[in-house]
Amino acid sequence: MALNVWLSHQPQLPGPSIPWIDKAEHAVFFGILAWLLARAWLPVLSHRPPRDRLVLLITVSLLWAVSDEIHQSFIPGRSADALDVMADMAGAVLVATLCVGTKIKP
């Protein structure tokens, strides 16, 4: 999360100017975030139903994604983008679902 804040605070990020590559980066980054959250919380929440665990992971990811975009709106050269939040959530939902819905240990 600290890396995300640092990256979001940069006025411009280096990288290729391939259309939509940033959306894939968002999805991967938030997929990793969901996996880390699952590793931290799912062992403690094993007594809760899978639906509750999934809702928690997705809710925290969504709140972080929205707060990240709000943060970026205050950085010169950056802006908030709803499509970024959607890409963030695509990665987070996919990984959270896999972590909660399978026997694979997060």
N, C-alpha and C. Protein backbone atom coordinates (compact mmCIF):
# COMPACT_ATOMS: atom_id res chain seq x y z
N MET A 1 0.83 -1.18 0.00
CA MET A 1 0.00 0.00 0.00
C MET A 1 0.88 1.25 0.00
N ALA A 2 2.01 1.17 0.70
CA ALA A 2 2.93 2.31 0.71
C ALA A 2 3.48 2.55 -0.69
N LEU A 3 3.80 1.48 -1.40
CA LEU A 3 4.28 1.63 -2.78
C LEU A 3 3.22 2.29 -3.65
N ASN A 4 1.97 1.91 -3.46
CA ASN A 4 0.87 2.50 -4.22
C ASN A 4 0.76 3.99 -3.95
N VAL A 5 0.88 4.39 -2.69
CA VAL A 5 0.80 5.81 -2.34
C VAL A 5 1.97 6.56 -2.99
N TRP A 6 3.17 5.98 -2.91
CA TRP A 6 4.34 6.64 -3.49
C TRP A 6 4.17 6.80 -5.00
N LEU A 7 3.75 5.74 -5.68
CA LEU A 7 3.55 5.82 -7.13
C LEU A 7 2.48 6.84 -7.49
N SER A 8 1.42 6.87 -6.71
CA SER A 8 0.32 7.80 -6.99
C SER A 8 0.73 9.24 -6.76
N HIS A 9 1.75 9.45 -5.97
CA HIS A 9 2.18 10.81 -5.64
C HIS A 9 3.13 11.38 -6.69
N GLN A 10 3.55 10.56 -7.65
CA GLN A 10 4.45 11.02 -8.70
C GLN A 10 3.66 11.80 -9.75
N PRO A 11 4.18 12.95 -10.19
CA PRO A 11 3.46 13.73 -11.20
C PRO A 11 3.32 12.99 -12.53
N GLN A 12 4.31 12.16 -12.84
CA GLN A 12 4.24 11.39 -14.09
C GLN A 12 5.02 10.11 -13.88
N LEU A 13 4.46 9.01 -14.35
CA LEU A 13 5.14 7.72 -14.23
C LEU A 13 5.78 7.35 -15.56
N PRO A 14 7.00 6.82 -15.48
CA PRO A 14 7.63 6.38 -16.73
C PRO A 14 6.95 5.11 -17.23
N GLY A 15 7.03 4.89 -18.50
CA GLY A 15 6.45 3.67 -19.03
C GLY A 15 6.09 3.84 -20.50
N PRO A 16 5.77 2.74 -21.13
CA PRO A 16 5.43 2.80 -22.55
C PRO A 16 4.09 3.51 -22.77
N SER A 17 3.94 4.10 -23.92
CA SER A 17 2.69 4.79 -24.23
C SER A 17 1.77 3.90 -25.06
N ILE A 18 1.69 2.64 -24.65
CA ILE A 18 0.79 1.70 -25.31
C ILE A 18 -0.62 1.92 -24.76
N PRO A 19 -1.61 2.11 -25.64
CA PRO A 19 -2.97 2.36 -25.16
C PRO A 19 -3.46 1.24 -24.23
N TRP A 20 -4.04 1.61 -23.16
CA TRP A 20 -4.68 0.74 -22.18
C TRP A 20 -3.71 -0.12 -21.36
N ILE A 21 -2.40 0.03 -21.56
CA ILE A 21 -1.47 -0.77 -20.75
C ILE A 21 -1.57 -0.39 -19.28
N ASP A 22 -1.89 0.87 -19.02
CA ASP A 22 -2.01 1.28 -17.61
C ASP A 22 -3.18 0.57 -16.92
N LYS A 23 -4.22 0.23 -17.68
CA LYS A 23 -5.35 -0.50 -17.07
C LYS A 23 -4.92 -1.90 -16.67
N ALA A 24 -4.11 -2.55 -17.49
CA ALA A 24 -3.58 -3.87 -17.14
C ALA A 24 -2.68 -3.76 -15.92
N GLU A 25 -1.89 -2.71 -15.85
CA GLU A 25 -1.02 -2.50 -14.68
C GLU A 25 -1.86 -2.32 -13.42
N HIS A 26 -2.95 -1.56 -13.53
CA HIS A 26 -3.84 -1.38 -12.39
C HIS A 26 -4.42 -2.72 -11.93
N ALA A 27 -4.89 -3.52 -12.87
CA ALA A 27 -5.49 -4.81 -12.53
C ALA A 27 -4.47 -5.73 -11.85
N VAL A 28 -3.26 -5.78 -12.37
CA VAL A 28 -2.22 -6.63 -11.77
C VAL A 28 -1.87 -6.12 -10.38
N PHE A 29 -1.67 -4.81 -10.24
CA PHE A 29 -1.30 -4.24 -8.95
C PHE A 29 -2.36 -4.54 -7.89
N PHE A 30 -3.64 -4.35 -8.24
CA PHE A 30 -4.70 -4.59 -7.26
C PHE A 30 -4.98 -6.08 -7.08
N GLY A 31 -4.65 -6.89 -8.05
CA GLY A 31 -4.70 -8.34 -7.84
C GLY A 31 -3.68 -8.75 -6.79
N ILE A 32 -2.49 -8.19 -6.86
CA ILE A 32 -1.46 -8.47 -5.86
C ILE A 32 -1.91 -7.96 -4.50
N LEU A 33 -2.50 -6.78 -4.47
CA LEU A 33 -3.01 -6.24 -3.19
C LEU A 33 -4.05 -7.19 -2.59
N ALA A 34 -4.98 -7.67 -3.40
CA ALA A 34 -6.01 -8.59 -2.89
C ALA A 34 -5.38 -9.88 -2.38
N TRP A 35 -4.36 -10.37 -3.06
CA TRP A 35 -3.67 -11.59 -2.62
C TRP A 35 -2.98 -11.36 -1.28
N LEU A 36 -2.32 -10.20 -1.13
CA LEU A 36 -1.66 -9.90 0.15
C LEU A 36 -2.68 -9.75 1.28
N LEU A 37 -3.79 -9.09 0.99
CA LEU A 37 -4.86 -8.97 2.00
C LEU A 37 -5.40 -10.35 2.37
N ALA A 38 -5.57 -11.22 1.38
CA ALA A 38 -6.06 -12.57 1.64
C ALA A 38 -5.08 -13.34 2.51
N ARG A 39 -3.80 -13.21 2.23
CA ARG A 39 -2.78 -13.90 3.03
C ARG A 39 -2.82 -13.43 4.49
N ALA A 40 -3.08 -12.15 4.67
CA ALA A 40 -3.10 -11.59 6.03
C ALA A 40 -4.39 -11.93 6.78
N TRP A 41 -5.52 -11.87 6.10
CA TRP A 41 -6.79 -11.95 6.81
C TRP A 41 -7.51 -13.28 6.74
N LEU A 42 -7.37 -14.02 5.67
CA LEU A 42 -8.17 -15.24 5.54
C LEU A 42 -7.89 -16.28 6.63
N PRO A 43 -6.65 -16.46 7.07
CA PRO A 43 -6.45 -17.42 8.16
C PRO A 43 -7.20 -17.03 9.44
N VAL A 44 -7.27 -15.74 9.71
CA VAL A 44 -7.96 -15.26 10.91
C VAL A 44 -9.47 -15.36 10.76
N LEU A 45 -9.95 -15.24 9.53
CA LEU A 45 -11.39 -15.23 9.27
C LEU A 45 -11.91 -16.58 8.77
N SER A 46 -11.17 -17.64 9.01
CA SER A 46 -11.56 -18.95 8.48
C SER A 46 -12.91 -19.43 9.02
N HIS A 47 -13.33 -18.91 10.17
CA HIS A 47 -14.63 -19.31 10.74
C HIS A 47 -15.81 -18.60 10.06
N ARG A 48 -15.51 -17.57 9.28
CA ARG A 48 -16.57 -16.82 8.60
C ARG A 48 -16.94 -17.50 7.28
N PRO A 49 -18.18 -17.33 6.83
CA PRO A 49 -18.57 -17.90 5.53
C PRO A 49 -17.75 -17.29 4.39
N PRO A 50 -17.55 -18.06 3.32
CA PRO A 50 -16.76 -17.55 2.19
C PRO A 50 -17.28 -16.21 1.64
N ARG A 51 -18.59 -16.06 1.61
CA ARG A 51 -19.17 -14.81 1.09
C ARG A 51 -18.69 -13.61 1.91
N ASP A 52 -18.66 -13.75 3.24
CA ASP A 52 -18.21 -12.65 4.10
C ASP A 52 -16.75 -12.32 3.85
N ARG A 53 -15.93 -13.35 3.68
CA ARG A 53 -14.50 -13.13 3.42
C ARG A 53 -14.30 -12.43 2.07
N LEU A 54 -15.06 -12.85 1.08
CA LEU A 54 -14.96 -12.24 -0.24
C LEU A 54 -15.40 -10.78 -0.20
N VAL A 55 -16.51 -10.51 0.47
CA VAL A 55 -17.01 -9.14 0.57
C VAL A 55 -15.98 -8.25 1.27
N LEU A 56 -15.33 -8.75 2.29
CA LEU A 56 -14.33 -7.96 2.99
C LEU A 56 -13.16 -7.61 2.07
N LEU A 57 -12.63 -8.61 1.38
CA LEU A 57 -11.50 -8.36 0.48
C LEU A 57 -11.86 -7.36 -0.62
N ILE A 58 -13.04 -7.52 -1.19
CA ILE A 58 -13.45 -6.64 -2.28
C ILE A 58 -13.74 -5.23 -1.77
N THR A 59 -14.36 -5.13 -0.61
CA THR A 59 -14.67 -3.81 -0.05
C THR A 59 -13.41 -3.03 0.28
N VAL A 60 -12.45 -3.67 0.92
CA VAL A 60 -11.20 -2.99 1.25
C VAL A 60 -10.47 -2.57 -0.04
N SER A 61 -10.46 -3.45 -1.02
CA SER A 61 -9.82 -3.11 -2.30
C SER A 61 -10.51 -1.93 -2.97
N LEU A 62 -11.83 -1.92 -2.94
CA LEU A 62 -12.58 -0.81 -3.54
C LEU A 62 -12.30 0.50 -2.81
N LEU A 63 -12.32 0.47 -1.50
CA LEU A 63 -12.05 1.69 -0.74
C LEU A 63 -10.64 2.21 -1.03
N TRP A 64 -9.68 1.28 -1.13
CA TRP A 64 -8.31 1.70 -1.44
C TRP A 64 -8.23 2.28 -2.85
N ALA A 65 -8.90 1.65 -3.80
CA ALA A 65 -8.87 2.13 -5.19
C ALA A 65 -9.46 3.54 -5.29
N VAL A 66 -10.58 3.76 -4.64
CA VAL A 66 -11.22 5.07 -4.68
C VAL A 66 -10.34 6.11 -3.98
N SER A 67 -9.79 5.77 -2.82
CA SER A 67 -8.93 6.72 -2.11
C SER A 67 -7.68 7.03 -2.93
N ASP A 68 -7.17 6.05 -3.66
CA ASP A 68 -6.01 6.27 -4.52
C ASP A 68 -6.34 7.28 -5.61
N GLU A 69 -7.48 7.16 -6.23
CA GLU A 69 -7.86 8.10 -7.28
C GLU A 69 -8.13 9.49 -6.72
N ILE A 70 -8.72 9.56 -5.54
CA ILE A 70 -8.93 10.88 -4.91
C ILE A 70 -7.57 11.51 -4.63
N HIS A 71 -6.64 10.73 -4.10
CA HIS A 71 -5.29 11.22 -3.84
C HIS A 71 -4.66 11.76 -5.12
N GLN A 72 -4.77 11.02 -6.22
CA GLN A 72 -4.18 11.44 -7.48
C GLN A 72 -4.78 12.75 -8.00
N SER A 73 -6.03 13.01 -7.65
CA SER A 73 -6.67 14.23 -8.15
C SER A 73 -6.02 15.49 -7.57
N PHE A 74 -5.26 15.35 -6.49
CA PHE A 74 -4.59 16.49 -5.88
C PHE A 74 -3.14 16.64 -6.34
N ILE A 75 -2.66 15.71 -7.15
CA ILE A 75 -1.27 15.73 -7.60
C ILE A 75 -1.19 16.42 -8.97
N PRO A 76 -0.36 17.46 -9.10
CA PRO A 76 -0.23 18.12 -10.41
C PRO A 76 0.22 17.12 -11.48
N GLY A 77 -0.43 17.15 -12.61
CA GLY A 77 -0.12 16.24 -13.70
C GLY A 77 -0.87 14.92 -13.64
N ARG A 78 -1.60 14.68 -12.56
CA ARG A 78 -2.37 13.44 -12.42
C ARG A 78 -3.85 13.80 -12.33
N SER A 79 -4.69 12.79 -12.49
CA SER A 79 -6.14 13.02 -12.36
C SER A 79 -6.80 11.73 -11.89
N ALA A 80 -7.99 11.87 -11.39
CA ALA A 80 -8.78 10.71 -10.98
C ALA A 80 -9.47 10.14 -12.21
N ASP A 81 -9.55 8.82 -12.27
CA ASP A 81 -10.13 8.17 -13.44
C ASP A 81 -10.97 6.98 -12.99
N ALA A 82 -12.26 7.03 -13.30
CA ALA A 82 -13.16 5.93 -12.93
C ALA A 82 -12.76 4.63 -13.62
N LEU A 83 -12.20 4.72 -14.81
CA LEU A 83 -11.75 3.50 -15.50
C LEU A 83 -10.59 2.84 -14.76
N ASP A 84 -9.77 3.64 -14.09
CA ASP A 84 -8.71 3.05 -13.27
C ASP A 84 -9.30 2.25 -12.12
N VAL A 85 -10.34 2.79 -11.48
CA VAL A 85 -11.00 2.07 -10.39
C VAL A 85 -11.60 0.77 -10.91
N MET A 86 -12.19 0.82 -12.10
CA MET A 86 -12.77 -0.40 -12.67
C MET A 86 -11.68 -1.44 -12.96
N ALA A 87 -10.53 -1.00 -13.46
CA ALA A 87 -9.42 -1.92 -13.72
C ALA A 87 -8.88 -2.47 -12.39
N ASP A 88 -8.77 -1.60 -11.39
CA ASP A 88 -8.33 -2.04 -10.06
C ASP A 88 -9.24 -3.15 -9.54
N MET A 89 -10.53 -2.92 -9.68
CA MET A 89 -11.49 -3.88 -9.15
C MET A 89 -11.52 -5.18 -9.95
N ALA A 90 -11.26 -5.11 -11.23
CA ALA A 90 -11.20 -6.33 -12.03
C ALA A 90 -10.11 -7.26 -11.49
N GLY A 91 -8.94 -6.71 -11.24
CA GLY A 91 -7.86 -7.51 -10.69
C GLY A 91 -8.15 -8.00 -9.28
N ALA A 92 -8.66 -7.11 -8.45
CA ALA A 92 -8.93 -7.47 -7.05
C ALA A 92 -10.03 -8.52 -6.95
N VAL A 93 -11.10 -8.37 -7.70
CA VAL A 93 -12.21 -9.33 -7.64
C VAL A 93 -11.77 -10.70 -8.14
N LEU A 94 -11.03 -10.73 -9.22
CA LEU A 94 -10.56 -12.00 -9.75
C LEU A 94 -9.69 -12.74 -8.73
N VAL A 95 -8.71 -12.07 -8.18
CA VAL A 95 -7.80 -12.72 -7.24
C VAL A 95 -8.50 -13.04 -5.92
N ALA A 96 -9.33 -12.15 -5.42
CA ALA A 96 -10.05 -12.41 -4.17
C ALA A 96 -10.96 -13.62 -4.33
N THR A 97 -11.63 -13.71 -5.46
CA THR A 97 -12.51 -14.85 -5.71
C THR A 97 -11.72 -16.15 -5.76
N LEU A 98 -10.58 -16.11 -6.40
CA LEU A 98 -9.73 -17.31 -6.44
C LEU A 98 -9.24 -17.70 -5.05
N CYS A 99 -8.84 -16.72 -4.26
CA CYS A 99 -8.33 -17.00 -2.92
C CYS A 99 -9.41 -17.55 -1.99
N VAL A 100 -10.60 -17.01 -2.08
CA VAL A 100 -11.69 -17.42 -1.19
C VAL A 100 -12.36 -18.70 -1.70
N GLY A 101 -12.50 -18.82 -3.01
CA GLY A 101 -13.29 -19.90 -3.58
C GLY A 101 -12.55 -21.18 -3.90
N THR A 102 -11.27 -21.23 -3.61
CA THR A 102 -10.50 -22.44 -3.91
C THR A 102 -9.81 -22.94 -2.65
N LYS A 103 -9.28 -24.10 -2.76
CA LYS A 103 -8.52 -24.67 -1.64
C LYS A 103 -7.06 -24.19 -1.65
N ILE A 104 -6.73 -23.36 -2.65
CA ILE A 104 -5.37 -22.84 -2.75
C ILE A 104 -5.13 -21.91 -1.58
N LYS A 105 -4.04 -22.11 -0.90
CA LYS A 105 -3.71 -21.22 0.22
C LYS A 105 -3.23 -19.89 -0.34
N PRO A 106 -3.80 -18.79 0.17
CA PRO A 106 -3.37 -17.47 -0.31
C PRO A 106 -1.93 -17.19 0.10
